[in-house]
C-alpha atoms as a PDB file:
ATOM      1  CA  ALA A   1     100.057  76.971  95.068  1.00  0.00           C
ATOM      2  CA  SER A   2     102.732  76.066  92.058  1.00  0.00           C
ATOM      3  CA  ASP A   3     101.549  72.746  92.603  1.00  0.00           C
ATOM      4  CA  TYR A   4      98.014  72.987  91.389  1.00  0.00           C
ATOM      5  CA  SER A   5      98.181  75.890  89.389  1.00  0.00           C
ATOM      6  CA  ILE A   6      99.715  76.684  85.369  1.00  0.00           C
ATOM      7  CA  LEU A   7     100.514  80.419  84.178  1.00  0.00           C
ATOM      8  CA  VAL A   8      99.520  80.770  80.269  1.00  0.00           C
ATOM      9  CA  SER A   9     102.341  83.741  79.306  1.00  0.00           C
ATOM     10  CA  ASN A  10     100.792  83.779  75.800  1.00  0.00           C
ATOM     11  CA  PRO A  11      97.361  84.769  75.666  1.00  0.00           C
ATOM     12  CA  PRO A  12      95.720  86.541  73.058  1.00  0.00           C
ATOM     13  CA  ASP A  13      95.067  90.440  73.599  1.00  0.00           C
ATOM     14  CA  ASP A  14      91.132  90.073  73.901  1.00  0.00           C
ATOM     15  CA  ALA A  15      90.880  87.108  75.877  1.00  0.00           C
ATOM     16  CA  VAL A  16      89.800  88.304  79.387  1.00  0.00           C
ATOM     17  CA  ASP A  17      86.969  87.073  80.309  1.00  0.00           C
ATOM     18  CA  PRO A  18      87.678  84.617  82.565  1.00  0.00           C
ATOM     19  CA  GLU A  19      84.860  82.173  82.159  1.00  0.00           C
ATOM     20  CA  GLU A  20      86.269  81.305  78.494  1.00  0.00           C
ATOM     21  CA  TRP A  21      89.180  79.930  80.682  1.00  0.00           C
ATOM     22  CA  ARG A  22      87.715  78.213  82.597  1.00  0.00           C
ATOM     23  CA  GLU A  23      85.304  76.713  80.144  1.00  0.00           C
ATOM     24  CA  PHE A  24      88.261  75.853  77.796  1.00  0.00           C
ATOM     25  CA  PHE A  25      90.438  74.266  80.588  1.00  0.00           C
ATOM     26  CA  ASP A  26      87.359  71.999  82.155  1.00  0.00           C
ATOM     27  CA  GLY A  27      86.027  70.981  78.566  1.00  0.00           C
ATOM     28  CA  LEU A  28      90.001  69.931  78.009  1.00  0.00           C
ATOM     29  CA  LEU A  29      90.454  67.934  81.124  1.00  0.00           C
ATOM     30  CA  GLY A  30      86.712  66.611  80.041  1.00  0.00           C
ATOM     31  CA  GLU A  31      88.434  65.511  76.896  1.00  0.00           C
ATOM     32  CA  LEU A  32      91.081  63.524  78.943  1.00  0.00           C
ATOM     33  CA  THR A  33      89.460  62.028  81.162  1.00  0.00           C
ATOM     34  CA  GLY A  34      85.979  61.335  79.560  1.00  0.00           C
ATOM     35  CA  GLU A  35      84.206  62.761  82.805  1.00  0.00           C
ATOM     36  CA  LYS A  36      82.978  66.422  82.579  1.00  0.00           C
ATOM     37  CA  GLN A  37      83.185  68.123  86.179  1.00  0.00           C
ATOM     38  CA  GLN A  38      84.337  71.605  87.185  1.00  0.00           C
ATOM     39  CA  GLN A  39      88.463  70.985  87.666  1.00  0.00           C
ATOM     40  CA  VAL A  40      89.225  74.709  87.424  1.00  0.00           C
ATOM     41  CA  THR A  41      88.948  76.602  91.143  1.00  0.00           C
ATOM     42  CA  LEU A  42      90.433  80.154  90.461  1.00  0.00           C
ATOM     43  CA  CYS A  43      90.986  82.134  87.215  1.00  0.00           C
ATOM     44  CA  THR A  44      93.115  85.455  87.442  1.00  0.00           C
ATOM     45  CA  ILE A  45      93.988  87.150  84.555  1.00  0.00           C
ATOM     46  CA  ALA A  46      96.813  89.858  84.045  1.00  0.00           C
ATOM     47  CA  LEU A  47      96.395  92.703  82.150  1.00  0.00           C
ATOM     48  CA  ASN A  48      99.197  95.405  81.037  1.00  0.00           C
ATOM     49  CA  ASN A  49      97.914  97.809  83.090  1.00  0.00           C
ATOM     50  CA  HIS A  50     101.251  98.233  85.077  1.00  0.00           C
ATOM     51  CA  ARG A  51     101.053 102.152  84.548  1.00  0.00           C
ATOM     52  CA  LEU A  52      97.698 102.107  86.349  1.00  0.00           C
ATOM     53  CA  LEU A  53      98.876  99.791  89.389  1.00  0.00           C
ATOM     54  CA  LYS A  54     101.723 102.180  89.690  1.00  0.00           C
ATOM     55  CA  ASN A  55      99.358 105.334  89.911  1.00  0.00           C
ATOM     56  CA  LEU A  56      97.462 103.456  92.837  1.00  0.00           C
ATOM     57  CA  VAL A  57     100.759 102.733  94.674  1.00  0.00           C
ATOM     58  CA  GLN A  58     102.123 105.743  94.514  1.00  0.00           C
ATOM     59  CA  ARG A  59      98.655 107.434  95.423  1.00  0.00           C
ATOM     60  CA  ARG A  60      98.862 105.153  98.700  1.00  0.00           C
ATOM     61  CA  LYS A  61     101.803 106.211  99.457  1.00  0.00           C
ATOM     62  CA  ASP A  62     101.685 109.177  99.259  1.00  0.00           C
ATOM     63  CA  LEU A  63      98.169 109.942 100.872  1.00  0.00           C
ATOM     64  CA  LYS A  64      99.654 107.564 104.176  1.00  0.00           C
ATOM     65  CA  LEU A  65     102.740 110.042 104.118  1.00  0.00           C
ATOM     66  CA  LEU A  66     100.483 113.311 104.243  1.00  0.00           C
ATOM     67  CA  LYS A  67      98.451 111.776 106.867  1.00  0.00           C
ATOM     68  CA  THR A  68     101.469 111.289 108.824  1.00  0.00           C
ATOM     69  CA  LEU A  69     102.475 114.915 108.063  1.00  0.00           C
ATOM     70  CA  LEU A  70      99.242 116.416 108.937  1.00  0.00           C
ATOM     71  CA  SER A  71      98.424 114.279 112.307  1.00  0.00           C
ATOM     72  CA  GLU A  72     100.709 116.847 113.790  1.00  0.00           C
ATOM     73  CA  THR A  73      97.833 119.466 113.331  1.00  0.00           C
ATOM     74  CA  CYS A  74      94.240 117.162 112.964  1.00  0.00           C
ATOM     75  CA  GLU A  75      93.601 113.727 112.617  1.00  0.00           C
ATOM     76  CA  LEU A  76      91.757 112.498 109.523  1.00  0.00           C
ATOM     77  CA  SER A  77      89.731 109.255 109.286  1.00  0.00           C
ATOM     78  CA  ASP A  78      88.774 109.187 105.580  1.00  0.00           C
ATOM     79  CA  MET A  79      92.181 110.358 103.294  1.00  0.00           C
ATOM     80  CA  ASN A  80      89.578 110.184 100.305  1.00  0.00           C
ATOM     81  CA  ASP A  81      86.776 113.083 101.764  1.00  0.00           C
ATOM     82  CA  GLY A  82      88.990 115.552  99.211  1.00  0.00           C
ATOM     83  CA  ALA A  83      87.093 119.000 100.925  1.00  0.00           C
ATOM     84  CA  ALA A  84      88.446 117.506 104.660  1.00  0.00           C
ATOM     85  CA  VAL A  85      91.730 116.788 103.578  1.00  0.00           C
ATOM     86  CA  ASP A  86      92.391 120.265 101.686  1.00  0.00           C
ATOM     87  CA  ALA A  87      90.961 121.882 104.579  1.00  0.00           C
ATOM     88  CA  ALA A  88      93.228 120.163 106.807  1.00  0.00           C
ATOM     89  CA  VAL A  89      96.614 121.222 104.383  1.00  0.00           C
ATOM     90  CA  THR A  90      95.353 124.643 104.407  1.00  0.00           C
ATOM     91  CA  LEU A  91      95.269 124.573 108.010  1.00  0.00           C
ATOM     92  CA  TYR A  92      98.484 123.377 108.553  1.00  0.00           C
ATOM     93  CA  MET A  93     100.154 126.003 106.296  1.00  0.00           C
ATOM     94  CA  GLU A  94      98.231 128.839 108.205  1.00  0.00           C
ATOM     95  CA  GLN A  95      99.899 127.281 111.755  1.00  0.00           C
ATOM     96  CA  LYS A  96     103.274 126.779 110.130  1.00  0.00           C
ATOM     97  CA  ILE A  97     103.476 130.224 109.029  1.00  0.00           C
ATOM     98  CA  GLU A  98     102.213 131.679 112.388  1.00  0.00           C
ATOM     99  CA  GLN A  99     104.495 129.391 113.922  1.00  0.00           C
ATOM    100  CA  ASP A 100     107.507 130.782 111.748  1.00  0.00           C
ATOM    101  CA  ALA A 101     106.892 134.267 112.370  1.00  0.00           C
ATOM    102  CA  ASN A 102     106.493 133.817 115.876  1.00  0.00           C
ATOM    103  CA  VAL A 103     110.347 131.556 116.345  1.00  0.00           C
ATOM    104  CA  ASN A 104     111.914 134.643 117.206  1.00  0.00           C
ATOM    105  CA  ASP A 105     109.506 137.333 119.210  1.00  0.00           C
ATOM    106  CA  GLY A 106     111.751 139.653 119.845  1.00  0.00           C
ATOM    107  CA  GLN A 107     113.545 137.949 123.133  1.00  0.00           C
ATOM    108  CA  PRO A 108     117.513 137.177 122.352  1.00  0.00           C
ATOM    109  CA  LYS A 109     118.874 133.648 122.676  1.00  0.00           C
ATOM    110  CA  SER A 110     120.419 132.922 126.182  1.00  0.00           C
ATOM    111  CA  VAL A 111     124.778 132.968 126.103  1.00  0.00           C
ATOM    112  CA  PHE A 112     124.175 129.089 126.573  1.00  0.00           C
ATOM    113  CA  LYS A 113     121.380 128.749 123.786  1.00  0.00           C
ATOM    114  CA  GLN A 114     124.204 130.541 121.141  1.00  0.00           C
ATOM    115  CA  PHE A 115     126.965 128.326 122.255  1.00  0.00           C
ATOM    116  CA  ALA A 116     124.908 125.389 121.995  1.00  0.00           C
ATOM    117  CA  ALA A 117     123.599 126.359 118.483  1.00  0.00           C
ATOM    118  CA  PHE A 118     127.109 127.160 117.320  1.00  0.00           C
ATOM    119  CA  ILE A 119     128.454 124.050 118.622  1.00  0.00           C
ATOM    120  CA  PHE A 120     125.754 121.741 116.453  1.00  0.00           C
ATOM    121  CA  LEU A 121     125.705 124.283 113.629  1.00  0.00           C
ATOM    122  CA  PRO A 122     127.471 121.925 111.353  1.00  0.00           C
ATOM    123  CA  PHE A 123     124.932 118.790 112.470  1.00  0.00           C
ATOM    124  CA  SER A 124     122.456 120.588 111.483  1.00  0.00           C
ATOM    125  CA  VAL A 125     123.698 121.493 108.576  1.00  0.00           C
ATOM    126  CA  LEU A 126     124.448 118.291 107.665  1.00  0.00           C
ATOM    127  CA  GLY A 127     120.950 116.774 108.562  1.00  0.00           C
ATOM    128  CA  LYS A 128     119.198 119.248 106.497  1.00  0.00           C
ATOM    129  CA  ILE A 129     121.572 118.629 103.719  1.00  0.00           C
ATOM    130  CA  VAL A 130     120.682 115.263 103.917  1.00  0.00           C
ATOM    131  CA  HIS A 131     117.164 114.890 104.391  1.00  0.00           C
ATOM    132  CA  PHE A 132     117.231 117.427 101.035  1.00  0.00           C
ATOM    133  CA  ILE A 133     118.522 114.959  99.216  1.00  0.00           C
ATOM    134  CA  ARG A 134     116.816 112.070 100.182  1.00  0.00           C
ATOM    135  CA  ARG A 135     113.609 114.409  98.841  1.00  0.00           C
ATOM    136  CA  LYS A 136     115.200 115.046  95.807  1.00  0.00           C
ATOM    137  CA  LEU A 137     116.186 111.237  95.358  1.00  0.00           C
ATOM    138  CA  SER A 138     113.019 110.067  96.084  1.00  0.00           C
ATOM    139  CA  HIS A 139     110.837 112.490  93.663  1.00  0.00           C
ATOM    140  CA  LEU A 140     108.783 112.977  96.913  1.00  0.00           C
ATOM    141  CA  PRO A 141     107.252 116.941  97.552  1.00  0.00           C
ATOM    142  CA  THR A 142     108.590 118.527 100.826  1.00  0.00           C
ATOM    143  CA  GLU A 143     105.584 120.047 102.090  1.00  0.00           C
ATOM    144  CA  PRO A 144     101.855 119.180 102.518  1.00  0.00           C
ATOM    145  CA  HIS A 145     100.286 121.120 100.267  1.00  0.00           C
ATOM    146  CA  GLN A 146     103.058 119.909  97.401  1.00  0.00           C
ATOM    147  CA  LEU A 147     102.393 116.466  98.351  1.00  0.00           C
ATOM    148  CA  TRP A 148      98.084 116.955  98.026  1.00  0.00           C
ATOM    149  CA  GLY A 149      98.836 118.812  94.750  1.00  0.00           C
ATOM    150  CA  ARG A 150     100.654 115.717  93.115  1.00  0.00           C
ATOM    151  CA  ILE A 151      97.740 113.443  94.986  1.00  0.00           C
ATOM    152  CA  GLN A 152      95.029 115.213  92.874  1.00  0.00           C
ATOM    153  CA  SER A 153      97.492 115.075  89.324  1.00  0.00           C
ATOM    154  CA  ILE A 154      97.756 111.231  90.256  1.00  0.00           C
ATOM    155  CA  THR A 155      93.985 110.954  91.166  1.00  0.00           C
ATOM    156  CA  GLN A 156      93.108 112.711  87.782  1.00  0.00           C
ATOM    157  CA  SER A 157      95.309 110.672  85.870  1.00  0.00           C
ATOM    158  CA  ILE A 158      93.786 107.375  87.409  1.00  0.00           C
ATOM    159  CA  ARG A 159      90.219 108.142  86.186  1.00  0.00           C
ATOM    160  CA  LEU A 160      91.623 109.124  82.691  1.00  0.00           C
ATOM    161  CA  MET A 161      93.180 106.421  82.718  1.00  0.00           C
ATOM    162  CA  GLN A 162      90.194 104.124  83.859  1.00  0.00           C
ATOM    163  CA  GLU A 163      87.989 105.398  81.663  1.00  0.00           C
ATOM    164  CA  PHE A 164      90.002 105.609  77.931  1.00  0.00           C
ATOM    165  CA  GLU A 165      92.507 102.720  78.255  1.00  0.00           C
ATOM    166  CA  VAL A 166      91.994  99.599  76.880  1.00  0.00           C
ATOM    167  CA  TYR A 167      93.975  97.018  78.945  1.00  0.00           C
ATOM    168  CA  LYS A 168      95.197  93.757  77.270  1.00  0.00           C
ATOM    169  CA  ALA A 169      95.472  89.829  78.454  1.00  0.00           C
ATOM    170  CA  SER A 170      99.406  89.781  79.138  1.00  0.00           C
ATOM    171  CA  ALA A 171      99.187  86.399  81.359  1.00  0.00           C
ATOM    172  CA  VAL A 172      96.815  84.339  83.117  1.00  0.00           C
ATOM    173  CA  TYR A 173      96.912  82.349  85.932  1.00  0.00           C
ATOM    174  CA  VAL A 174      94.743  78.980  86.645  1.00  0.00           C
ATOM    175  CA  THR A 175      94.287  77.170  89.440  1.00  0.00           C
ATOM    176  CA  PHE A 176      93.150  73.419  89.581  1.00  0.00           C
ATOM    177  CA  GLU A 177      91.156  71.182  91.968  1.00  0.00           C
ATOM    178  CA  THR A 178      93.606  68.563  92.007  1.00  0.00           C
ATOM    179  CA  GLU A 179      97.401  68.564  91.497  1.00  0.00           C
ATOM    180  CA  GLN A 180      96.373  65.605  89.238  1.00  0.00           C
ATOM    181  CA  ALA A 181      94.160  68.075  86.935  1.00  0.00           C
ATOM    182  CA  GLN A 182      97.188  69.891  86.701  1.00  0.00           C
ATOM    183  CA  ARG A 183      99.549  67.535  85.552  1.00  0.00           C
ATOM    184  CA  ALA A 184      97.122  66.975  82.621  1.00  0.00           C
ATOM    185  CA  ALA A 185      96.457  69.909  81.523  1.00  0.00           C
ATOM    186  CA  ILE A 186     100.271  70.829  81.519  1.00  0.00           C
ATOM    187  CA  LYS A 187     100.754  67.266  79.837  1.00  0.00           C
ATOM    188  CA  ALA A 188      97.724  67.818  77.089  1.00  0.00           C
ATOM    189  CA  LEU A 189      98.889  71.261  75.993  1.00  0.00           C
ATOM    190  CA  ASN A 190     102.857  70.480  76.435  1.00  0.00           C
ATOM    191  CA  ALA A 191     104.037  72.392  72.901  1.00  0.00           C
ATOM    192  CA  GLY A 192     107.679  72.983  71.489  1.00  0.00           C
ATOM    193  CA  ARG A 193     109.334  76.203  71.161  1.00  0.00           C
ATOM    194  CA  PHE A 194     108.770  76.217  67.287  1.00  0.00           C
ATOM    195  CA  GLU A 195     105.108  75.415  67.441  1.00  0.00           C
ATOM    196  CA  VAL A 196     104.467  78.141  69.809  1.00  0.00           C
ATOM    197  CA  TRP A 197     106.343  80.926  68.194  1.00  0.00           C
ATOM    198  CA  THR A 198     104.511  79.660  64.877  1.00  0.00           C
ATOM    199  CA  ASN A 199     101.013  79.012  65.868  1.00  0.00           C
ATOM    200  CA  LYS A 200     101.286  75.892  64.034  1.00  0.00           C
ATOM    201  CA  ARG A 201     100.033  72.334  65.573  1.00  0.00           C
ATOM    202  CA  VAL A 202     102.579  69.749  64.858  1.00  0.00           C
ATOM    203  CA  HIS A 203     101.464  67.033  67.835  1.00  0.00           C
ATOM    204  CA  LEU A 204      99.009  68.983  69.804  1.00  0.00           C
ATOM    205  CA  GLU A 205      95.397  67.437  69.911  1.00  0.00           C
ATOM    206  CA  GLY A 206      92.715  69.841  68.365  1.00  0.00           C
ATOM    207  CA  PHE A 207      90.943  69.967  71.226  1.00  0.00           C
ATOM    208  CA  ALA A 208      94.228  71.592  72.857  1.00  0.00           C
ATOM    209  CA  LEU A 209      94.051  74.499  70.702  1.00  0.00           C
ATOM    210  CA  PHE A 210      92.294  77.914  72.708  1.00  0.00           C
ATOM    211  CA  ARG A 211      89.700  78.831  70.475  1.00  0.00           C
ATOM    212  CA  ARG A 212      90.712  75.978  68.121  1.00  0.00           C
ATOM    213  CA  ASN A 213      93.438  77.789  66.675  1.00  0.00           C
ATOM    214  CA  PHE A 214      95.356  79.055  69.344  1.00  0.00           C
ATOM    215  CA  ILE A 215      98.823  77.218  70.978  1.00  0.00           C
ATOM    216  CA  LEU A 216      99.246  78.050  74.388  1.00  0.00           C
ATOM    217  CA  ASP A 217     102.332  78.500  76.146  1.00  0.00           C
ATOM    218  CA  ILE A 218     102.061  77.043  79.693  1.00  0.00           C
ATOM    219  CA  HIS A 219     104.817  76.258  82.140  1.00  0.00           C
ATOM    220  CA  GLU A 220     103.652  75.164  86.188  1.00  0.00           C
ATOM    221  CA  ALA A 221     103.390  78.934  88.008  1.00  0.00           C
ATOM    222  CA  ASP A 222     106.264  80.134  90.240  1.00  0.00           C
ATOM    223  CA  GLU A 223     105.248  80.949  93.672  1.00  0.00           C
ATOM    224  CA  PRO A 224     104.041  83.901  94.704  1.00  0.00           C
ATOM    225  CA  ASP A 225     106.988  84.928  97.396  1.00  0.00           C
ATOM    226  CA  THR A 226     108.993  84.369  94.256  1.00  0.00           C
ATOM    227  CA  CYS A 227     107.772  87.000  92.037  1.00  0.00           C
ATOM    228  CA  ARG A 228     108.672  90.418  91.580  1.00  0.00           C
ATOM    229  CA  TRP A 229     105.401  92.007  91.303  1.00  0.00           C
ATOM    230  CA  CYS A 230     106.534  95.622  90.533  1.00  0.00           C
ATOM    231  CA  ASP A 231     108.672  94.619  87.604  1.00  0.00           C
ATOM    232  CA  LEU A 232     105.951  92.232  86.112  1.00  0.00           C
ATOM    233  CA  ASP A 233     105.783  94.825  83.059  1.00  0.00           C
ATOM    234  CA  SER A 234     109.352  94.946  82.058  1.00  0.00           C
ATOM    235  CA  THR A 235     110.433  93.359  78.691  1.00  0.00           C
ATOM    236  CA  GLY A 236     112.858  90.784  77.954  1.00  0.00           C
ATOM    237  CA  ALA A 237     115.287  93.705  76.478  1.00  0.00           C
ATOM    238  CA  GLU A 238     115.236  95.584  79.882  1.00  0.00           C
ATOM    239  CA  ARG A 239     115.879  92.261  82.197  1.00  0.00           C
ATOM    240  CA  ILE A 240     118.961  91.127  79.952  1.00  0.00           C
ATOM    241  CA  ILE A 241     120.605  94.707  80.359  1.00  0.00           C
ATOM    242  CA  ARG A 242     120.146  94.573  83.846  1.00  0.00           C
ATOM    243  CA  ARG A 243     121.960  91.395  84.243  1.00  0.00           C
ATOM    244  CA  ILE A 244     124.401  92.697  81.994  1.00  0.00           C
ATOM    245  CA  CYS A 245     124.632  95.867  84.322  1.00  0.00           C
ATOM    246  CA  SER A 246     124.735  93.575  87.280  1.00  0.00           C
ATOM    247  CA  LEU A 247     127.686  91.185  85.960  1.00  0.00           C
ATOM    248  CA  VAL A 248     129.371  94.233  84.942  1.00  0.00           C
ATOM    249  CA  VAL A 249     129.601  95.933  88.641  1.00  0.00           C
ATOM    250  CA  THR A 250     130.370  92.346  89.699  1.00  0.00           C
ATOM    251  CA  PHE A 251     133.113  91.810  87.671  1.00  0.00           C
ATOM    252  CA  GLY A 252     134.502  95.343  88.087  1.00  0.00           C
ATOM    253  CA  MET A 253     134.573  95.248  92.653  1.00  0.00           C
ATOM    254  CA  THR A 254     135.857  91.758  91.671  1.00  0.00           C
ATOM    255  CA  LEU A 255     138.832  93.450  89.191  1.00  0.00           C
ATOM    256  CA  LEU A 256     139.338  96.017  91.672  1.00  0.00           C
ATOM    257  CA  SER A 257     139.631  93.660  94.565  1.00  0.00           C
ATOM    258  CA  ILE A 258     142.651  92.200  92.760  1.00  0.00           C
ATOM    259  CA  LEU A 259     144.474  94.651  91.858  1.00  0.00           C
ATOM    260  CA  THR A 260     144.396  96.341  95.342  1.00  0.00           C
ATOM    261  CA  LEU A 261     145.014  93.308  97.321  1.00  0.00           C
ATOM    262  CA  PRO A 262     148.565  92.861  96.117  1.00  0.00           C
ATOM    263  CA  LEU A 263     148.992  97.014  97.432  1.00  0.00           C
ATOM    264  CA  ILE A 264     147.696  96.078 100.756  1.00  0.00           C
ATOM    265  CA  ARG A 265     149.763  93.578 101.106  1.00  0.00           C
ATOM    266  CA  VAL A 266     153.200  95.529 100.651  1.00  0.00           C
ATOM    267  CA  HIS A 267     151.845  97.967 101.885  1.00  0.00           C
ATOM    268  CA  ILE A 268     151.354  96.219 105.275  1.00  0.00           C
ATOM    269  CA  ASN A 269     155.104  94.248 105.010  1.00  0.00           C
ATOM    270  CA  THR A 270     156.188  98.053 104.793  1.00  0.00           C
ATOM    271  CA  ILE A 271     154.391  98.756 107.519  1.00  0.00           C
ATOM    272  CA  PHE A 272     156.033  95.885 110.334  1.00  0.00           C
ATOM    273  CA  TYR A 273     159.330  95.548 108.504  1.00  0.00           C
END
């Protein structure tokens, strides 16, 4: 809950140990109250691993979609079993090739079926076009073997990122036992923007500096429901550009309404008179 939590938005890059943060805040509150007791309940460190998280989410979505496609031919209990999934994809493609070969087995269609196919031909073509556009816009493969190939590629990328990339701390969420502890921490660590930007202490106490030389930028954490978890990696410039684009679109729609409303009124008056 936000009433018990704070957010550190400028942690040092290498401060990825939750115990270090727990000891710092417990020590800070101990200096303020004169009592040494554990006040920190939870400590969560956010890393700049947004690319890894996005790949993990995309892999889960693709596996779910692949399982749905393969459910027509077989049921897979473990989608992480590569050999089983590969065999299921092969079986699906073999059955599809066999079905396509036997669609018209030499028997002519009846007159009624030919007439129905002619009547519904535009709807069928339109449905295929819409399906094709949706697939292209969502960048999703259209066949199980293509989807399985992309899943394997994403899995390999995830393994490489986990093995070789070093992730830095981008934010720290700290939850306290009581609301009083949270308020005390915010008051003790409350620093001006100049102090945070220059990392020069003006009125803060020495024990309020992280690692005795780093000024933290903290504030009350937002509610989880108010966070856009998929856009946590966006920079300040990207957020400004999105707001400008939204403002331009809103202004354009407003201007279009202003210009078209008089024309609509004139047209309606002309019809009635």
